[in-house]
C-alpha atoms as a PDB file:
ATOM      1  CA  UNK A   1     -26.491  32.545 -53.733  1.00  0.00           C
ATOM      2  CA  UNK A   2     -28.377  32.540 -57.464  1.00  0.00           C
ATOM      3  CA  UNK A   3     -25.554  34.575 -60.045  1.00  0.00           C
ATOM      4  CA  UNK A   4     -22.632  33.775 -58.176  1.00  0.00           C
ATOM      5  CA  UNK A   5     -19.891  31.590 -58.295  1.00  0.00           C
ATOM      6  CA  UNK A   6     -17.720  32.021 -54.989  1.00  0.00           C
ATOM      7  CA  UNK A   7     -18.715  33.385 -52.127  1.00  0.00           C
ATOM      8  CA  UNK A   8     -19.057  33.266 -47.729  1.00  0.00           C
ATOM      9  CA  UNK A   9     -21.582  31.960 -45.758  1.00  0.00           C
ATOM     10  CA  UNK A  10     -22.357  31.305 -42.944  1.00  0.00           C
ATOM     11  CA  UNK A  11     -24.874  29.057 -41.626  1.00  0.00           C
ATOM     12  CA  UNK A  12     -25.747  29.114 -37.271  1.00  0.00           C
ATOM     13  CA  UNK A  13     -28.935  28.066 -35.865  1.00  0.00           C
ATOM     14  CA  UNK A  14     -30.264  25.701 -38.109  1.00  0.00           C
ATOM     15  CA  UNK A  15     -29.509  22.165 -38.336  1.00  0.00           C
ATOM     16  CA  UNK A  16     -26.849  21.647 -41.876  1.00  0.00           C
ATOM     17  CA  UNK A  17     -29.264  20.491 -44.450  1.00  0.00           C
ATOM     18  CA  UNK A  18     -28.954  17.077 -46.911  1.00  0.00           C
ATOM     19  CA  UNK A  19     -29.147  19.973 -49.459  1.00  0.00           C
ATOM     20  CA  UNK A  20     -25.446  21.175 -49.373  1.00  0.00           C
ATOM     21  CA  UNK A  21     -24.137  18.543 -52.059  1.00  0.00           C
ATOM     22  CA  UNK A  22     -26.569  20.200 -54.526  1.00  0.00           C
ATOM     23  CA  UNK A  23     -25.371  23.491 -53.340  1.00  0.00           C
ATOM     24  CA  UNK A  24     -21.405  22.940 -53.924  1.00  0.00           C
ATOM     25  CA  UNK A  25     -22.451  21.891 -57.624  1.00  0.00           C
ATOM     26  CA  UNK A  26     -24.407  24.610 -57.612  1.00  0.00           C
ATOM     27  CA  UNK A  27     -21.949  27.377 -56.890  1.00  0.00           C
ATOM     28  CA  UNK A  28     -18.102  26.543 -57.248  1.00  0.00           C
ATOM     29  CA  UNK A  29     -15.576  27.752 -55.240  1.00  0.00           C
ATOM     30  CA  UNK A  30     -18.319  28.882 -52.592  1.00  0.00           C
ATOM     31  CA  UNK A  31     -16.789  28.915 -48.962  1.00  0.00           C
ATOM     32  CA  UNK A  32     -19.357  28.357 -46.496  1.00  0.00           C
ATOM     33  CA  UNK A  33     -18.590  28.051 -42.767  1.00  0.00           C
ATOM     34  CA  UNK A  34     -20.744  26.837 -39.893  1.00  0.00           C
ATOM     35  CA  UNK A  35     -21.513  28.547 -36.446  1.00  0.00           C
ATOM     36  CA  UNK A  36     -22.082  27.343 -33.292  1.00  0.00           C
ATOM     37  CA  UNK A  37     -23.061  29.091 -29.477  1.00  0.00           C
ATOM     38  CA  UNK A  38     -25.043  30.354 -28.053  1.00  0.00           C
ATOM     39  CA  UNK A  39     -26.056  34.226 -26.968  1.00  0.00           C
ATOM     40  CA  UNK A  40     -24.646  33.752 -23.391  1.00  0.00           C
ATOM     41  CA  UNK A  41     -20.874  33.361 -25.203  1.00  0.00           C
ATOM     42  CA  UNK A  42     -22.173  36.449 -27.911  1.00  0.00           C
ATOM     43  CA  UNK A  43     -23.239  33.193 -30.031  1.00  0.00           C
ATOM     44  CA  UNK A  44     -20.503  32.551 -32.226  1.00  0.00           C
ATOM     45  CA  UNK A  45     -18.220  30.038 -29.862  1.00  0.00           C
ATOM     46  CA  UNK A  46     -17.077  27.668 -32.586  1.00  0.00           C
ATOM     47  CA  UNK A  47     -16.744  27.375 -36.016  1.00  0.00           C
ATOM     48  CA  UNK A  48     -15.981  25.756 -39.252  1.00  0.00           C
ATOM     49  CA  UNK A  49     -15.566  25.833 -43.133  1.00  0.00           C
ATOM     50  CA  UNK A  50     -17.994  23.018 -44.268  1.00  0.00           C
ATOM     51  CA  UNK A  51     -15.880  21.317 -47.390  1.00  0.00           C
ATOM     52  CA  UNK A  52     -17.621  18.784 -49.577  1.00  0.00           C
ATOM     53  CA  UNK A  53     -16.157  15.841 -47.802  1.00  0.00           C
ATOM     54  CA  UNK A  54     -17.525  17.304 -44.209  1.00  0.00           C
ATOM     55  CA  UNK A  55     -21.337  16.892 -46.720  1.00  0.00           C
ATOM     56  CA  UNK A  56     -20.698  12.973 -46.741  1.00  0.00           C
ATOM     57  CA  UNK A  57     -19.753  12.476 -42.793  1.00  0.00           C
ATOM     58  CA  UNK A  58     -21.769   9.486 -41.470  1.00  0.00           C
ATOM     59  CA  UNK A  59     -20.533  12.009 -38.313  1.00  0.00           C
ATOM     60  CA  UNK A  60     -22.366  14.630 -39.844  1.00  0.00           C
ATOM     61  CA  UNK A  61     -20.931  18.540 -41.047  1.00  0.00           C
ATOM     62  CA  UNK A  62     -18.496  19.809 -37.583  1.00  0.00           C
ATOM     63  CA  UNK A  63     -19.303  22.619 -35.375  1.00  0.00           C
ATOM     64  CA  UNK A  64     -15.733  23.865 -35.367  1.00  0.00           C
ATOM     65  CA  UNK A  65     -12.807  25.001 -33.383  1.00  0.00           C
ATOM     66  CA  UNK A  66     -12.960  27.375 -30.125  1.00  0.00           C
ATOM     67  CA  UNK A  67     -13.021  31.080 -31.498  1.00  0.00           C
ATOM     68  CA  UNK A  68      -9.539  33.050 -30.352  1.00  0.00           C
ATOM     69  CA  UNK A  69     -10.489  33.466 -26.671  1.00  0.00           C
ATOM     70  CA  UNK A  70     -13.572  31.105 -26.166  1.00  0.00           C
ATOM     71  CA  UNK A  71     -12.316  27.745 -24.429  1.00  0.00           C
ATOM     72  CA  UNK A  72     -14.590  24.621 -24.827  1.00  0.00           C
ATOM     73  CA  UNK A  73     -15.658  21.286 -22.381  1.00  0.00           C
ATOM     74  CA  UNK A  74     -17.567  18.275 -23.094  1.00  0.00           C
ATOM     75  CA  UNK A  75     -18.223  17.554 -18.860  1.00  0.00           C
ATOM     76  CA  UNK A  76     -20.565  14.895 -17.436  1.00  0.00           C
ATOM     77  CA  UNK A  77     -20.909  15.335 -13.615  1.00  0.00           C
ATOM     78  CA  UNK A  78     -18.878  18.573 -14.374  1.00  0.00           C
ATOM     79  CA  UNK A  79     -16.046  16.250 -15.159  1.00  0.00           C
ATOM     80  CA  UNK A  80     -14.393  17.209 -18.608  1.00  0.00           C
ATOM     81  CA  UNK A  81     -14.200  13.370 -20.581  1.00  0.00           C
ATOM     82  CA  UNK A  82     -11.618  12.522 -23.040  1.00  0.00           C
ATOM     83  CA  UNK A  83     -11.807  12.968 -26.675  1.00  0.00           C
ATOM     84  CA  UNK A  84     -13.843  11.331 -28.700  1.00  0.00           C
ATOM     85  CA  UNK A  85     -16.411  11.369 -25.626  1.00  0.00           C
ATOM     86  CA  UNK A  86     -19.942  12.195 -25.538  1.00  0.00           C
ATOM     87  CA  UNK A  87     -20.742  14.786 -23.151  1.00  0.00           C
ATOM     88  CA  UNK A  88     -22.689  18.025 -22.490  1.00  0.00           C
ATOM     89  CA  UNK A  89     -21.373  21.035 -24.177  1.00  0.00           C
ATOM     90  CA  UNK A  90     -19.394  23.456 -21.752  1.00  0.00           C
ATOM     91  CA  UNK A  91     -17.965  27.086 -22.928  1.00  0.00           C
ATOM     92  CA  UNK A  92     -15.763  29.459 -21.908  1.00  0.00           C
ATOM     93  CA  UNK A  93     -13.500  32.779 -21.977  1.00  0.00           C
ATOM     94  CA  UNK A  94     -14.170  35.689 -22.950  1.00  0.00           C
ATOM     95  CA  UNK A  95     -16.616  36.207 -24.564  1.00  0.00           C
ATOM     96  CA  UNK A  96     -19.005  34.263 -21.434  1.00  0.00           C
ATOM     97  CA  UNK A  97     -21.954  36.298 -20.449  1.00  0.00           C
ATOM     98  CA  UNK A  98     -22.151  37.215 -16.409  1.00  0.00           C
ATOM     99  CA  UNK A  99     -25.282  35.889 -15.732  1.00  0.00           C
ATOM    100  CA  UNK A 100     -29.059  36.306 -16.120  1.00  0.00           C
ATOM    101  CA  UNK A 101     -29.668  39.974 -15.512  1.00  0.00           C
ATOM    102  CA  UNK A 102     -32.485  39.551 -11.624  1.00  0.00           C
ATOM    103  CA  UNK A 103     -32.178  35.571 -12.168  1.00  0.00           C
ATOM    104  CA  UNK A 104     -29.988  34.996  -9.614  1.00  0.00           C
ATOM    105  CA  UNK A 105     -31.743  30.757  -9.750  1.00  0.00           C
ATOM    106  CA  UNK A 106     -31.153  30.669 -13.278  1.00  0.00           C
ATOM    107  CA  UNK A 107     -27.609  32.020 -13.746  1.00  0.00           C
ATOM    108  CA  UNK A 108     -26.663  29.291 -10.828  1.00  0.00           C
ATOM    109  CA  UNK A 109     -27.981  26.493 -12.013  1.00  0.00           C
ATOM    110  CA  UNK A 110     -26.357  27.025 -15.935  1.00  0.00           C
ATOM    111  CA  UNK A 111     -23.561  29.585 -15.013  1.00  0.00           C
ATOM    112  CA  UNK A 112     -21.409  26.914 -13.272  1.00  0.00           C
ATOM    113  CA  UNK A 113     -17.375  26.156 -12.818  1.00  0.00           C
ATOM    114  CA  UNK A 114     -15.369  23.067 -13.401  1.00  0.00           C
ATOM    115  CA  UNK A 115     -12.391  22.074 -12.671  1.00  0.00           C
ATOM    116  CA  UNK A 116      -9.194  21.441 -16.233  1.00  0.00           C
ATOM    117  CA  UNK A 117      -5.634  21.712 -16.145  1.00  0.00           C
ATOM    118  CA  UNK A 118      -6.159  21.814 -12.268  1.00  0.00           C
ATOM    119  CA  UNK A 119      -7.500  24.790 -12.297  1.00  0.00           C
ATOM    120  CA  UNK A 120     -11.384  25.979 -11.601  1.00  0.00           C
ATOM    121  CA  UNK A 121     -12.876  27.347 -14.844  1.00  0.00           C
ATOM    122  CA  UNK A 122     -16.289  29.544 -15.163  1.00  0.00           C
ATOM    123  CA  UNK A 123     -18.270  27.942 -17.886  1.00  0.00           C
ATOM    124  CA  UNK A 124     -22.172  28.341 -19.078  1.00  0.00           C
ATOM    125  CA  UNK A 125     -23.645  24.797 -19.240  1.00  0.00           C
ATOM    126  CA  UNK A 126     -25.100  24.941 -22.577  1.00  0.00           C
ATOM    127  CA  UNK A 127     -27.724  22.053 -22.503  1.00  0.00           C
ATOM    128  CA  UNK A 128     -26.710  20.585 -25.612  1.00  0.00           C
ATOM    129  CA  UNK A 129     -24.422  16.438 -25.929  1.00  0.00           C
ATOM    130  CA  UNK A 130     -21.464  16.848 -28.224  1.00  0.00           C
ATOM    131  CA  UNK A 131     -18.139  15.822 -28.418  1.00  0.00           C
ATOM    132  CA  UNK A 132     -14.308  16.647 -28.874  1.00  0.00           C
ATOM    133  CA  UNK A 133     -11.951  14.531 -32.293  1.00  0.00           C
ATOM    134  CA  UNK A 134      -8.248  14.578 -30.636  1.00  0.00           C
ATOM    135  CA  UNK A 135      -8.045  18.067 -32.701  1.00  0.00           C
ATOM    136  CA  UNK A 136     -10.199  19.695 -30.100  1.00  0.00           C
ATOM    137  CA  UNK A 137     -12.950  19.617 -33.231  1.00  0.00           C
ATOM    138  CA  UNK A 138     -16.821  19.930 -32.007  1.00  0.00           C
ATOM    139  CA  UNK A 139     -19.070  17.609 -33.087  1.00  0.00           C
ATOM    140  CA  UNK A 140     -22.359  18.598 -32.631  1.00  0.00           C
ATOM    141  CA  UNK A 141     -25.231  15.652 -30.956  1.00  0.00           C
ATOM    142  CA  UNK A 142     -27.951  16.957 -29.695  1.00  0.00           C
ATOM    143  CA  UNK A 143     -30.340  17.923 -26.782  1.00  0.00           C
ATOM    144  CA  UNK A 144     -29.546  16.940 -23.010  1.00  0.00           C
ATOM    145  CA  UNK A 145     -33.344  17.156 -23.070  1.00  0.00           C
ATOM    146  CA  UNK A 146     -33.799  15.182 -26.160  1.00  0.00           C
ATOM    147  CA  UNK A 147     -32.230  11.770 -25.453  1.00  0.00           C
ATOM    148  CA  UNK A 148     -33.828   8.843 -25.158  1.00  0.00           C
ATOM    149  CA  UNK A 149     -33.330   5.236 -23.979  1.00  0.00           C
ATOM    150  CA  UNK A 150     -34.282   1.940 -25.154  1.00  0.00           C
ATOM    151  CA  UNK A 151     -33.026  -1.517 -23.577  1.00  0.00           C
ATOM    152  CA  UNK A 152     -30.949   0.407 -20.924  1.00  0.00           C
ATOM    153  CA  UNK A 153     -28.999   2.061 -24.455  1.00  0.00           C
ATOM    154  CA  UNK A 154     -28.905   6.288 -24.188  1.00  0.00           C
ATOM    155  CA  UNK A 155     -29.868   7.464 -28.154  1.00  0.00           C
ATOM    156  CA  UNK A 156     -29.356  10.641 -29.486  1.00  0.00           C
ATOM    157  CA  UNK A 157     -31.967  11.301 -31.948  1.00  0.00           C
ATOM    158  CA  UNK A 158     -30.125  13.906 -33.812  1.00  0.00           C
ATOM    159  CA  UNK A 159     -26.609  10.929 -34.418  1.00  0.00           C
ATOM    160  CA  UNK A 160     -29.663   9.153 -35.832  1.00  0.00           C
ATOM    161  CA  UNK A 161     -31.099  12.438 -37.934  1.00  0.00           C
ATOM    162  CA  UNK A 162     -27.781  13.263 -39.190  1.00  0.00           C
ATOM    163  CA  UNK A 163     -26.999  10.195 -40.706  1.00  0.00           C
ATOM    164  CA  UNK A 164     -30.685  10.791 -42.261  1.00  0.00           C
ATOM    165  CA  UNK A 165     -28.973  13.594 -43.681  1.00  0.00           C
ATOM    166  CA  UNK A 166     -26.488  12.223 -45.253  1.00  0.00           C
ATOM    167  CA  UNK A 167     -28.162   9.706 -46.963  1.00  0.00           C
ATOM    168  CA  UNK A 168     -29.799  12.813 -48.564  1.00  0.00           C
ATOM    169  CA  UNK A 169     -32.897  12.634 -46.408  1.00  0.00           C
ATOM    170  CA  UNK A 170     -33.435  17.074 -45.991  1.00  0.00           C
ATOM    171  CA  UNK A 171     -35.372  17.323 -43.204  1.00  0.00           C
ATOM    172  CA  UNK A 172     -36.052  14.408 -40.626  1.00  0.00           C
ATOM    173  CA  UNK A 173     -37.131  13.752 -37.213  1.00  0.00           C
ATOM    174  CA  UNK A 174     -36.537  10.254 -34.942  1.00  0.00           C
ATOM    175  CA  UNK A 175     -39.546   9.474 -32.620  1.00  0.00           C
ATOM    176  CA  UNK A 176     -40.072   6.250 -29.332  1.00  0.00           C
ATOM    177  CA  UNK A 177     -42.637   4.509 -30.110  1.00  0.00           C
ATOM    178  CA  UNK A 178     -43.764   1.174 -28.106  1.00  0.00           C
ATOM    179  CA  UNK A 179     -44.975  -2.139 -30.173  1.00  0.00           C
ATOM    180  CA  UNK A 180     -48.200  -3.708 -28.859  1.00  0.00           C
ATOM    181  CA  UNK A 181     -45.885  -5.606 -26.168  1.00  0.00           C
ATOM    182  CA  UNK A 182     -45.616  -1.744 -24.487  1.00  0.00           C
ATOM    183  CA  UNK A 183     -41.181  -1.652 -25.572  1.00  0.00           C
ATOM    184  CA  UNK A 184     -40.805   1.518 -27.112  1.00  0.00           C
ATOM    185  CA  UNK A 185     -38.551   1.224 -30.771  1.00  0.00           C
ATOM    186  CA  UNK A 186     -37.007   3.397 -32.823  1.00  0.00           C
ATOM    187  CA  UNK A 187     -39.404   5.033 -35.340  1.00  0.00           C
ATOM    188  CA  UNK A 188     -37.886   7.115 -38.005  1.00  0.00           C
ATOM    189  CA  UNK A 189     -39.558   9.785 -40.516  1.00  0.00           C
ATOM    190  CA  UNK A 190     -37.684  11.136 -43.235  1.00  0.00           C
ATOM    191  CA  UNK A 191     -37.716  12.928 -46.401  1.00  0.00           C
ATOM    192  CA  UNK A 192     -37.638  11.215 -48.839  1.00  0.00           C
ATOM    193  CA  UNK A 193     -33.915  11.293 -50.944  1.00  0.00           C
ATOM    194  CA  UNK A 194     -32.944  12.801 -53.306  1.00  0.00           C
ATOM    195  CA  UNK A 195     -32.213   9.234 -54.653  1.00  0.00           C
ATOM    196  CA  UNK A 196     -35.233   7.632 -53.770  1.00  0.00           C
ATOM    197  CA  UNK A 197     -34.518   4.224 -51.895  1.00  0.00           C
ATOM    198  CA  UNK A 198     -36.702   1.469 -49.757  1.00  0.00           C
ATOM    199  CA  UNK A 199     -37.049   1.682 -46.177  1.00  0.00           C
ATOM    200  CA  UNK A 200     -34.223  -1.982 -45.879  1.00  0.00           C
ATOM    201  CA  UNK A 201     -31.939   0.559 -48.230  1.00  0.00           C
ATOM    202  CA  UNK A 202     -32.100   3.035 -45.987  1.00  0.00           C
ATOM    203  CA  UNK A 203     -31.534   0.582 -42.537  1.00  0.00           C
ATOM    204  CA  UNK A 204     -28.897  -1.293 -44.523  1.00  0.00           C
ATOM    205  CA  UNK A 205     -27.234   2.140 -45.035  1.00  0.00           C
ATOM    206  CA  UNK A 206     -27.930   3.159 -41.150  1.00  0.00           C
ATOM    207  CA  UNK A 207     -25.803   0.175 -40.059  1.00  0.00           C
ATOM    208  CA  UNK A 208     -22.780   1.414 -41.913  1.00  0.00           C
ATOM    209  CA  UNK A 209     -22.854   4.346 -39.949  1.00  0.00           C
ATOM    210  CA  UNK A 210     -24.607   4.033 -36.394  1.00  0.00           C
ATOM    211  CA  UNK A 211     -23.854   1.925 -33.599  1.00  0.00           C
ATOM    212  CA  UNK A 212     -26.876  -1.628 -34.166  1.00  0.00           C
ATOM    213  CA  UNK A 213     -28.542  -0.550 -30.766  1.00  0.00           C
ATOM    214  CA  UNK A 214     -28.972   2.781 -33.111  1.00  0.00           C
ATOM    215  CA  UNK A 215     -31.045   1.255 -36.183  1.00  0.00           C
ATOM    216  CA  UNK A 216     -34.809   2.187 -36.459  1.00  0.00           C
ATOM    217  CA  UNK A 217     -36.955  -0.238 -36.178  1.00  0.00           C
ATOM    218  CA  UNK A 218     -39.458   1.677 -38.984  1.00  0.00           C
ATOM    219  CA  UNK A 219     -38.456   3.572 -41.873  1.00  0.00           C
ATOM    220  CA  UNK A 220     -41.261   5.864 -43.147  1.00  0.00           C
ATOM    221  CA  UNK A 221     -40.845   7.502 -45.640  1.00  0.00           C
ATOM    222  CA  UNK A 222     -42.887  11.294 -46.776  1.00  0.00           C
ATOM    223  CA  UNK A 223     -42.668  13.714 -49.724  1.00  0.00           C
ATOM    224  CA  UNK A 224     -42.841  16.007 -47.135  1.00  0.00           C
ATOM    225  CA  UNK A 225     -42.029  16.693 -43.868  1.00  0.00           C
ATOM    226  CA  UNK A 226     -45.229  18.740 -41.595  1.00  0.00           C
ATOM    227  CA  UNK A 227     -44.763  21.761 -40.138  1.00  0.00           C
ATOM    228  CA  UNK A 228     -46.082  23.451 -37.039  1.00  0.00           C
ATOM    229  CA  UNK A 229     -46.611  27.250 -36.981  1.00  0.00           C
ATOM    230  CA  UNK A 230     -42.873  28.381 -35.514  1.00  0.00           C
ATOM    231  CA  UNK A 231     -41.223  26.082 -38.745  1.00  0.00           C
ATOM    232  CA  UNK A 232     -41.392  22.980 -36.491  1.00  0.00           C
ATOM    233  CA  UNK A 233     -41.912  19.026 -37.575  1.00  0.00           C
ATOM    234  CA  UNK A 234     -45.397  18.413 -36.456  1.00  0.00           C
ATOM    235  CA  UNK A 235     -44.523  15.116 -34.676  1.00  0.00           C
ATOM    236  CA  UNK A 236     -48.288  14.757 -33.925  1.00  0.00           C
ATOM    237  CA  UNK A 237     -49.907  14.914 -37.137  1.00  0.00           C
ATOM    238  CA  UNK A 238     -46.954  12.661 -38.454  1.00  0.00           C
ATOM    239  CA  UNK A 239     -47.044   9.919 -36.738  1.00  0.00           C
ATOM    240  CA  UNK A 240     -51.096  10.048 -36.627  1.00  0.00           C
ATOM    241  CA  UNK A 241     -50.024   9.607 -40.322  1.00  0.00           C
ATOM    242  CA  UNK A 242     -48.783   6.145 -39.939  1.00  0.00           C
ATOM    243  CA  UNK A 243     -51.442   4.928 -36.970  1.00  0.00           C
ATOM    244  CA  UNK A 244     -50.022   5.489 -34.943  1.00  0.00           C
ATOM    245  CA  UNK A 245     -51.168   6.956 -31.433  1.00  0.00           C
ATOM    246  CA  UNK A 246     -50.412   8.315 -27.969  1.00  0.00           C
END
């Protein structure tokens, strides 16, 4: 927003990037909002005003509190979990759709009921992983189908990628790539942060932000990510660039 020192800007449908500190520096007084939600719940289900402190948080930018009339649940096997625990994001409330037109099987798969405070309430199962903190703020973790398992640990690639963003890497991607014995490893490909660092420095900073089992075995830096036509990262080209073959 060149030439403006203040304003309100919502951000939705994308991962909030590591460029935010520069945005706050360039536009004093700007108000940035992060919103989360699927079309099945009228698009915006939560909202959060982004602060400068958020941009340095290891957990990434919060998705926010539910908008009026919306209820947010984190469930595992259809049962709500405790605050702080990770599970599937389920959304209820007045903005919830009734289902998909002429698609009963698809509707039945994701429009379900959960028991909350002793009552069965209708919800939409988003397929997203997240957690609610003690204040009811939603923290997005990643897609349920993106979860990987290494050495018995369930790992959310988005958590590692989010930590890399707090270190200044605008784009990054995690891939589980086996070593010569066939044992899978966590490999992080990241755009070089605006403050250049070595692989060892990145791993050290990530150890301060992540459990030991989530720290990448290897970090590869690139100046910019190869992208597909839909702007998603071209993982095949990226892994081949560093000699990894499927």
